[in-house]
Amino acid sequence: MGWEPRTKAGAAVSLPEGLRQVSVRSPSWREAVKINGGSRIVECSSPEGALLVAVMPNELDHVLTALNSS
């Protein structure tokens, strides 16, 4: 599973094998300073360790569907 940005400025990002959603939460105050405070944090686990994905609420269903289908 991977993600490719809509612009040509970045490279594709590969997600670790065995990625599993653990929870969804609002960002902490400290996280909200670095990212959009209106986003949601999808906490995931994998054999490689924990992974946090910041997602805007209007894209959350798409991301969760993709994570659960892998």
PDB file of N, CA and C in Angstrom:
ATOM      1  N   MET A   1       0.858  -1.166   0.000  1.00  0.00           N
ATOM      2  CA  MET A   1       0.000   0.000   0.000  1.00  0.00           C
ATOM      3  C   MET A   1       0.901   1.224   0.000  1.00  0.00           C
ATOM      4  N   GLY A   2       0.523   2.220  -0.722  1.00  0.00           N
ATOM      5  CA  GLY A   2       1.328   3.427  -0.782  1.00  0.00           C
ATOM      6  C   GLY A   2       0.486   4.645  -1.036  1.00  0.00           C
ATOM      7  N   TRP A   3       1.106   5.787  -0.933  1.00  0.00           N
ATOM      8  CA  TRP A   3       0.426   7.050  -1.164  1.00  0.00           C
ATOM      9  C   TRP A   3       1.278   7.872  -2.100  1.00  0.00           C
ATOM     10  N   GLU A   4       0.629   8.497  -3.073  1.00  0.00           N
ATOM     11  CA  GLU A   4       1.332   9.392  -3.983  1.00  0.00           C
ATOM     12  C   GLU A   4       0.687  10.757  -3.918  1.00  0.00           C
ATOM     13  N   PRO A   5       1.493  11.812  -3.732  1.00  0.00           N
ATOM     14  CA  PRO A   5       0.932  13.161  -3.667  1.00  0.00           C
ATOM     15  C   PRO A   5       0.354  13.587  -5.007  1.00  0.00           C
ATOM     16  N   ARG A   6      -0.534  14.551  -4.971  1.00  0.00           N
ATOM     17  CA  ARG A   6      -1.162  15.048  -6.198  1.00  0.00           C
ATOM     18  C   ARG A   6      -0.209  15.916  -7.005  1.00  0.00           C
ATOM     19  N   THR A   7       0.846  16.402  -6.384  1.00  0.00           N
ATOM     20  CA  THR A   7       1.801  17.239  -7.101  1.00  0.00           C
ATOM     21  C   THR A   7       3.024  16.417  -7.475  1.00  0.00           C
ATOM     22  N   LYS A   8       3.839  16.962  -8.346  1.00  0.00           N
ATOM     23  CA  LYS A   8       5.057  16.270  -8.750  1.00  0.00           C
ATOM     24  C   LYS A   8       6.217  16.570  -7.807  1.00  0.00           C
ATOM     25  N   ALA A   9       5.963  17.321  -6.748  1.00  0.00           N
ATOM     26  CA  ALA A   9       7.034  17.763  -5.853  1.00  0.00           C
ATOM     27  C   ALA A   9       7.553  16.666  -4.929  1.00  0.00           C
ATOM     28  N   GLY A  10       6.789  15.613  -4.701  1.00  0.00           N
ATOM     29  CA  GLY A  10       7.218  14.600  -3.743  1.00  0.00           C
ATOM     30  C   GLY A  10       7.244  13.212  -4.338  1.00  0.00           C
ATOM     31  N   ALA A  11       7.922  12.338  -3.652  1.00  0.00           N
ATOM     32  CA  ALA A  11       8.001  10.947  -4.082  1.00  0.00           C
ATOM     33  C   ALA A  11       6.892  10.144  -3.407  1.00  0.00           C
ATOM     34  N   ALA A  12       6.609   8.991  -3.963  1.00  0.00           N
ATOM     35  CA  ALA A  12       5.608   8.104  -3.371  1.00  0.00           C
ATOM     36  C   ALA A  12       6.077   7.645  -1.997  1.00  0.00           C
ATOM     37  N   VAL A  13       5.148   7.424  -1.103  1.00  0.00           N
ATOM     38  CA  VAL A  13       5.452   6.955   0.243  1.00  0.00           C
ATOM     39  C   VAL A  13       4.916   5.542   0.369  1.00  0.00           C
ATOM     40  N   SER A  14       5.769   4.607   0.723  1.00  0.00           N
ATOM     41  CA  SER A  14       5.334   3.227   0.933  1.00  0.00           C
ATOM     42  C   SER A  14       5.002   3.022   2.403  1.00  0.00           C
ATOM     43  N   LEU A  15       3.889   2.390   2.645  1.00  0.00           N
ATOM     44  CA  LEU A  15       3.490   2.093   4.016  1.00  0.00           C
ATOM     45  C   LEU A  15       3.963   0.694   4.383  1.00  0.00           C
ATOM     46  N   PRO A  16       4.280   0.460   5.657  1.00  0.00           N
ATOM     47  CA  PRO A  16       4.784  -0.843   6.067  1.00  0.00           C
ATOM     48  C   PRO A  16       3.757  -1.962   5.871  1.00  0.00           C
ATOM     49  N   GLU A  17       4.242  -3.156   5.630  1.00  0.00           N
ATOM     50  CA  GLU A  17       3.374  -4.331   5.538  1.00  0.00           C
ATOM     51  C   GLU A  17       2.744  -4.589   6.912  1.00  0.00           C
ATOM     52  N   GLY A  18       1.561  -5.138   6.934  1.00  0.00           N
ATOM     53  CA  GLY A  18       0.904  -5.488   8.186  1.00  0.00           C
ATOM     54  C   GLY A  18       0.393  -4.296   8.969  1.00  0.00           C
ATOM     55  N   LEU A  19       0.188  -3.175   8.285  1.00  0.00           N
ATOM     56  CA  LEU A  19      -0.298  -1.962   8.944  1.00  0.00           C
ATOM     57  C   LEU A  19      -1.730  -2.185   9.411  1.00  0.00           C
ATOM     58  N   ARG A  20      -2.003  -1.835  10.672  1.00  0.00           N
ATOM     59  CA  ARG A  20      -3.321  -2.066  11.262  1.00  0.00           C
ATOM     60  C   ARG A  20      -3.751  -0.832  12.040  1.00  0.00           C
ATOM     61  N   GLN A  21      -4.973  -0.368  11.781  1.00  0.00           N
ATOM     62  CA  GLN A  21      -5.514   0.793  12.496  1.00  0.00           C
ATOM     63  C   GLN A  21      -5.777   0.424  13.950  1.00  0.00           C
ATOM     64  N   VAL A  22      -5.353   1.296  14.856  1.00  0.00           N
ATOM     65  CA  VAL A  22      -5.576   1.074  16.280  1.00  0.00           C
ATOM     66  C   VAL A  22      -6.657   2.011  16.804  1.00  0.00           C
ATOM     67  N   SER A  23      -6.553   3.300  16.462  1.00  0.00           N
ATOM     68  CA  SER A  23      -7.547   4.266  16.932  1.00  0.00           C
ATOM     69  C   SER A  23      -7.517   5.526  16.073  1.00  0.00           C
ATOM     70  N   VAL A  24      -8.513   6.371  16.291  1.00  0.00           N
ATOM     71  CA  VAL A  24      -8.605   7.682  15.641  1.00  0.00           C
ATOM     72  C   VAL A  24      -8.844   8.696  16.751  1.00  0.00           C
ATOM     73  N   ARG A  25      -8.107   9.813  16.692  1.00  0.00           N
ATOM     74  CA  ARG A  25      -8.235  10.828  17.736  1.00  0.00           C
ATOM     75  C   ARG A  25      -7.959  12.212  17.167  1.00  0.00           C
ATOM     76  N   SER A  26      -8.303  13.217  17.946  1.00  0.00           N
ATOM     77  CA  SER A  26      -7.947  14.593  17.606  1.00  0.00           C
ATOM     78  C   SER A  26      -6.480  14.802  17.963  1.00  0.00           C
ATOM     79  N   PRO A  27      -5.810  15.730  17.289  1.00  0.00           N
ATOM     80  CA  PRO A  27      -4.411  15.972  17.623  1.00  0.00           C
ATOM     81  C   PRO A  27      -4.270  16.621  18.999  1.00  0.00           C
ATOM     82  N   SER A  28      -3.177  16.308  19.679  1.00  0.00           N
ATOM     83  CA  SER A  28      -2.871  16.973  20.943  1.00  0.00           C
ATOM     84  C   SER A  28      -2.513  18.421  20.644  1.00  0.00           C
ATOM     85  N   TRP A  29      -2.432  19.246  21.671  1.00  0.00           N
ATOM     86  CA  TRP A  29      -2.069  20.643  21.473  1.00  0.00           C
ATOM     87  C   TRP A  29      -0.710  20.729  20.808  1.00  0.00           C
ATOM     88  N   ARG A  30       0.230  19.930  21.258  1.00  0.00           N
ATOM     89  CA  ARG A  30       1.589  19.956  20.712  1.00  0.00           C
ATOM     90  C   ARG A  30       1.592  19.556  19.228  1.00  0.00           C
ATOM     91  N   GLU A  31       0.803  18.534  18.867  1.00  0.00           N
ATOM     92  CA  GLU A  31       0.707  18.119  17.464  1.00  0.00           C
ATOM     93  C   GLU A  31       0.018  19.183  16.618  1.00  0.00           C
ATOM     94  N   ALA A  32      -0.999  19.827  17.189  1.00  0.00           N
ATOM     95  CA  ALA A  32      -1.772  20.836  16.453  1.00  0.00           C
ATOM     96  C   ALA A  32      -0.926  22.055  16.085  1.00  0.00           C
ATOM     97  N   VAL A  33       0.158  22.282  16.812  1.00  0.00           N
ATOM     98  CA  VAL A  33       1.059  23.387  16.487  1.00  0.00           C
ATOM     99  C   VAL A  33       1.800  23.076  15.178  1.00  0.00           C
ATOM    100  N   LYS A  34       2.079  21.801  14.932  1.00  0.00           N
ATOM    101  CA  LYS A  34       2.858  21.399  13.760  1.00  0.00           C
ATOM    102  C   LYS A  34       2.000  21.047  12.547  1.00  0.00           C
ATOM    103  N   ILE A  35       0.768  20.601  12.792  1.00  0.00           N
ATOM    104  CA  ILE A  35      -0.133  20.208  11.701  1.00  0.00           C
ATOM    105  C   ILE A  35      -1.437  20.977  11.848  1.00  0.00           C
ATOM    106  N   ASN A  36      -2.345  20.794  10.938  1.00  0.00           N
ATOM    107  CA  ASN A  36      -3.649  21.443  11.006  1.00  0.00           C
ATOM    108  C   ASN A  36      -4.407  20.906  12.221  1.00  0.00           C
ATOM    109  N   GLY A  37      -4.798  21.781  13.127  1.00  0.00           N
ATOM    110  CA  GLY A  37      -5.498  21.384  14.344  1.00  0.00           C
ATOM    111  C   GLY A  37      -6.868  20.778  14.098  1.00  0.00           C
ATOM    112  N   GLY A  38      -7.413  20.961  12.905  1.00  0.00           N
ATOM    113  CA  GLY A  38      -8.707  20.381  12.567  1.00  0.00           C
ATOM    114  C   GLY A  38      -8.603  18.964  12.032  1.00  0.00           C
ATOM    115  N   SER A  39      -7.396  18.466  11.890  1.00  0.00           N
ATOM    116  CA  SER A  39      -7.212  17.116  11.346  1.00  0.00           C
ATOM    117  C   SER A  39      -7.507  16.051  12.396  1.00  0.00           C
ATOM    118  N   ARG A  40      -7.496  14.824  11.986  1.00  0.00           N
ATOM    119  CA  ARG A  40      -7.633  13.683  12.875  1.00  0.00           C
ATOM    120  C   ARG A  40      -6.367  12.851  12.748  1.00  0.00           C
ATOM    121  N   ILE A  41      -5.971  12.221  13.841  1.00  0.00           N
ATOM    122  CA  ILE A  41      -4.788  11.368  13.852  1.00  0.00           C
ATOM    123  C   ILE A  41      -5.255   9.918  13.840  1.00  0.00           C
ATOM    124  N   VAL A  42      -4.830   9.172  12.827  1.00  0.00           N
ATOM    125  CA  VAL A  42      -5.117   7.743  12.756  1.00  0.00           C
ATOM    126  C   VAL A  42      -3.876   7.044  13.304  1.00  0.00           C
ATOM    127  N   GLU A  43      -4.033   6.389  14.448  1.00  0.00           N
ATOM    128  CA  GLU A  43      -2.928   5.655  15.055  1.00  0.00           C
ATOM    129  C   GLU A  43      -2.935   4.239  14.499  1.00  0.00           C
ATOM    130  N   CYS A  44      -1.779   3.803  13.999  1.00  0.00           N
ATOM    131  CA  CYS A  44      -1.648   2.477  13.409  1.00  0.00           C
ATOM    132  C   CYS A  44      -0.482   1.745  14.045  1.00  0.00           C
ATOM    133  N   SER A  45      -0.516   0.435  13.962  1.00  0.00           N
ATOM    134  CA  SER A  45       0.619  -0.370  14.401  1.00  0.00           C
ATOM    135  C   SER A  45       1.039  -1.264  13.251  1.00  0.00           C
ATOM    136  N   SER A  46       2.305  -1.638  13.256  1.00  0.00           N
ATOM    137  CA  SER A  46       2.850  -2.541  12.252  1.00  0.00           C
ATOM    138  C   SER A  46       4.027  -3.269  12.883  1.00  0.00           C
ATOM    139  N   PRO A  47       4.516  -4.316  12.234  1.00  0.00           N
ATOM    140  CA  PRO A  47       5.700  -4.998  12.759  1.00  0.00           C
ATOM    141  C   PRO A  47       6.907  -4.060  12.884  1.00  0.00           C
ATOM    142  N   GLU A  48       6.921  -2.963  12.121  1.00  0.00           N
ATOM    143  CA  GLU A  48       8.025  -2.006  12.178  1.00  0.00           C
ATOM    144  C   GLU A  48       7.847  -0.970  13.285  1.00  0.00           C
ATOM    145  N   GLY A  49       6.676  -0.928  13.914  1.00  0.00           N
ATOM    146  CA  GLY A  49       6.415   0.028  14.988  1.00  0.00           C
ATOM    147  C   GLY A  49       5.167   0.846  14.740  1.00  0.00           C
ATOM    148  N   ALA A  50       4.955   1.814  15.611  1.00  0.00           N
ATOM    149  CA  ALA A  50       3.765   2.669  15.540  1.00  0.00           C
ATOM    150  C   ALA A  50       3.901   3.667  14.394  1.00  0.00           C
ATOM    151  N   LEU A  51       2.739   4.038  13.827  1.00  0.00           N
ATOM    152  CA  LEU A  51       2.702   5.006  12.735  1.00  0.00           C
ATOM    153  C   LEU A  51       1.489   5.893  12.956  1.00  0.00           C
ATOM    154  N   LEU A  52       1.693   7.202  12.908  1.00  0.00           N
ATOM    155  CA  LEU A  52       0.611   8.171  13.044  1.00  0.00           C
ATOM    156  C   LEU A  52       0.389   8.835  11.694  1.00  0.00           C
ATOM    157  N   VAL A  53      -0.885   8.913  11.280  1.00  0.00           N
ATOM    158  CA  VAL A  53      -1.229   9.522   9.997  1.00  0.00           C
ATOM    159  C   VAL A  53      -2.209  10.657  10.276  1.00  0.00           C
ATOM    160  N   ALA A  54      -1.845  11.883   9.875  1.00  0.00           N
ATOM    161  CA  ALA A  54      -2.741  13.029  10.028  1.00  0.00           C
ATOM    162  C   ALA A  54      -3.619  13.112   8.792  1.00  0.00           C
ATOM    163  N   VAL A  55      -4.927  13.179   9.014  1.00  0.00           N
ATOM    164  CA  VAL A  55      -5.901  13.162   7.923  1.00  0.00           C
ATOM    165  C   VAL A  55      -6.958  14.230   8.195  1.00  0.00           C
ATOM    166  N   MET A  56      -7.339  14.940   7.146  1.00  0.00           N
ATOM    167  CA  MET A  56      -8.429  15.900   7.295  1.00  0.00           C
ATOM    168  C   MET A  56      -9.750  15.125   7.404  1.00  0.00           C
ATOM    169  N   PRO A  57     -10.703  15.639   8.184  1.00  0.00           N
ATOM    170  CA  PRO A  57     -11.953  14.906   8.422  1.00  0.00           C
ATOM    171  C   PRO A  57     -12.693  14.479   7.155  1.00  0.00           C
ATOM    172  N   ASN A  58     -12.655  15.300   6.101  1.00  0.00           N
ATOM    173  CA  ASN A  58     -13.378  14.936   4.880  1.00  0.00           C
ATOM    174  C   ASN A  58     -12.721  13.778   4.137  1.00  0.00           C
ATOM    175  N   GLU A  59     -11.489  13.420   4.470  1.00  0.00           N
ATOM    176  CA  GLU A  59     -10.788  12.304   3.832  1.00  0.00           C
ATOM    177  C   GLU A  59     -10.664  11.090   4.753  1.00  0.00           C
ATOM    178  N   LEU A  60     -11.150  11.216   5.976  1.00  0.00           N
ATOM    179  CA  LEU A  60     -10.978  10.160   6.973  1.00  0.00           C
ATOM    180  C   LEU A  60     -11.605   8.838   6.545  1.00  0.00           C
ATOM    181  N   ASP A  61     -12.828   8.857   6.025  1.00  0.00           N
ATOM    182  CA  ASP A  61     -13.491   7.620   5.609  1.00  0.00           C
ATOM    183  C   ASP A  61     -12.698   6.896   4.525  1.00  0.00           C
ATOM    184  N   HIS A  62     -12.136   7.639   3.582  1.00  0.00           N
ATOM    185  CA  HIS A  62     -11.343   7.033   2.497  1.00  0.00           C
ATOM    186  C   HIS A  62     -10.095   6.348   3.055  1.00  0.00           C
ATOM    187  N   VAL A  63      -9.424   7.021   3.991  1.00  0.00           N
ATOM    188  CA  VAL A  63      -8.206   6.465   4.574  1.00  0.00           C
ATOM    189  C   VAL A  63      -8.524   5.223   5.388  1.00  0.00           C
ATOM    190  N   LEU A  64      -9.568   5.280   6.202  1.00  0.00           N
ATOM    191  CA  LEU A  64      -9.934   4.127   7.020  1.00  0.00           C
ATOM    192  C   LEU A  64     -10.344   2.940   6.151  1.00  0.00           C
ATOM    193  N   THR A  65     -11.066   3.200   5.067  1.00  0.00           N
ATOM    194  CA  THR A  65     -11.448   2.125   4.145  1.00  0.00           C
ATOM    195  C   THR A  65     -10.211   1.491   3.537  1.00  0.00           C
ATOM    196  N   ALA A  66      -9.249   2.306   3.123  1.00  0.00           N
ATOM    197  CA  ALA A  66      -8.012   1.783   2.532  1.00  0.00           C
ATOM    198  C   ALA A  66      -7.216   0.964   3.545  1.00  0.00           C
ATOM    199  N   LEU A  67      -7.142   1.432   4.788  1.00  0.00           N
ATOM    200  CA  LEU A  67      -6.408   0.695   5.803  1.00  0.00           C
ATOM    201  C   LEU A  67      -7.073  -0.625   6.149  1.00  0.00           C
ATOM    202  N   ASN A  68      -8.399  -0.636   6.199  1.00  0.00           N
ATOM    203  CA  ASN A  68      -9.110  -1.857   6.564  1.00  0.00           C
ATOM    204  C   ASN A  68      -9.185  -2.877   5.428  1.00  0.00           C
ATOM    205  N   SER A  69      -8.953  -2.429   4.196  1.00  0.00           N
ATOM    206  CA  SER A  69      -9.020  -3.356   3.065  1.00  0.00           C
ATOM    207  C   SER A  69      -7.673  -4.006   2.782  1.00  0.00           C
ATOM    208  N   SER A  70      -6.619  -3.529   3.407  1.00  0.00           N
ATOM    209  CA  SER A  70      -5.294  -4.100   3.141  1.00  0.00           C
ATOM    210  C   SER A  70      -5.024  -5.317   3.985  1.00  0.00           C
TER     211      SER A  70
END
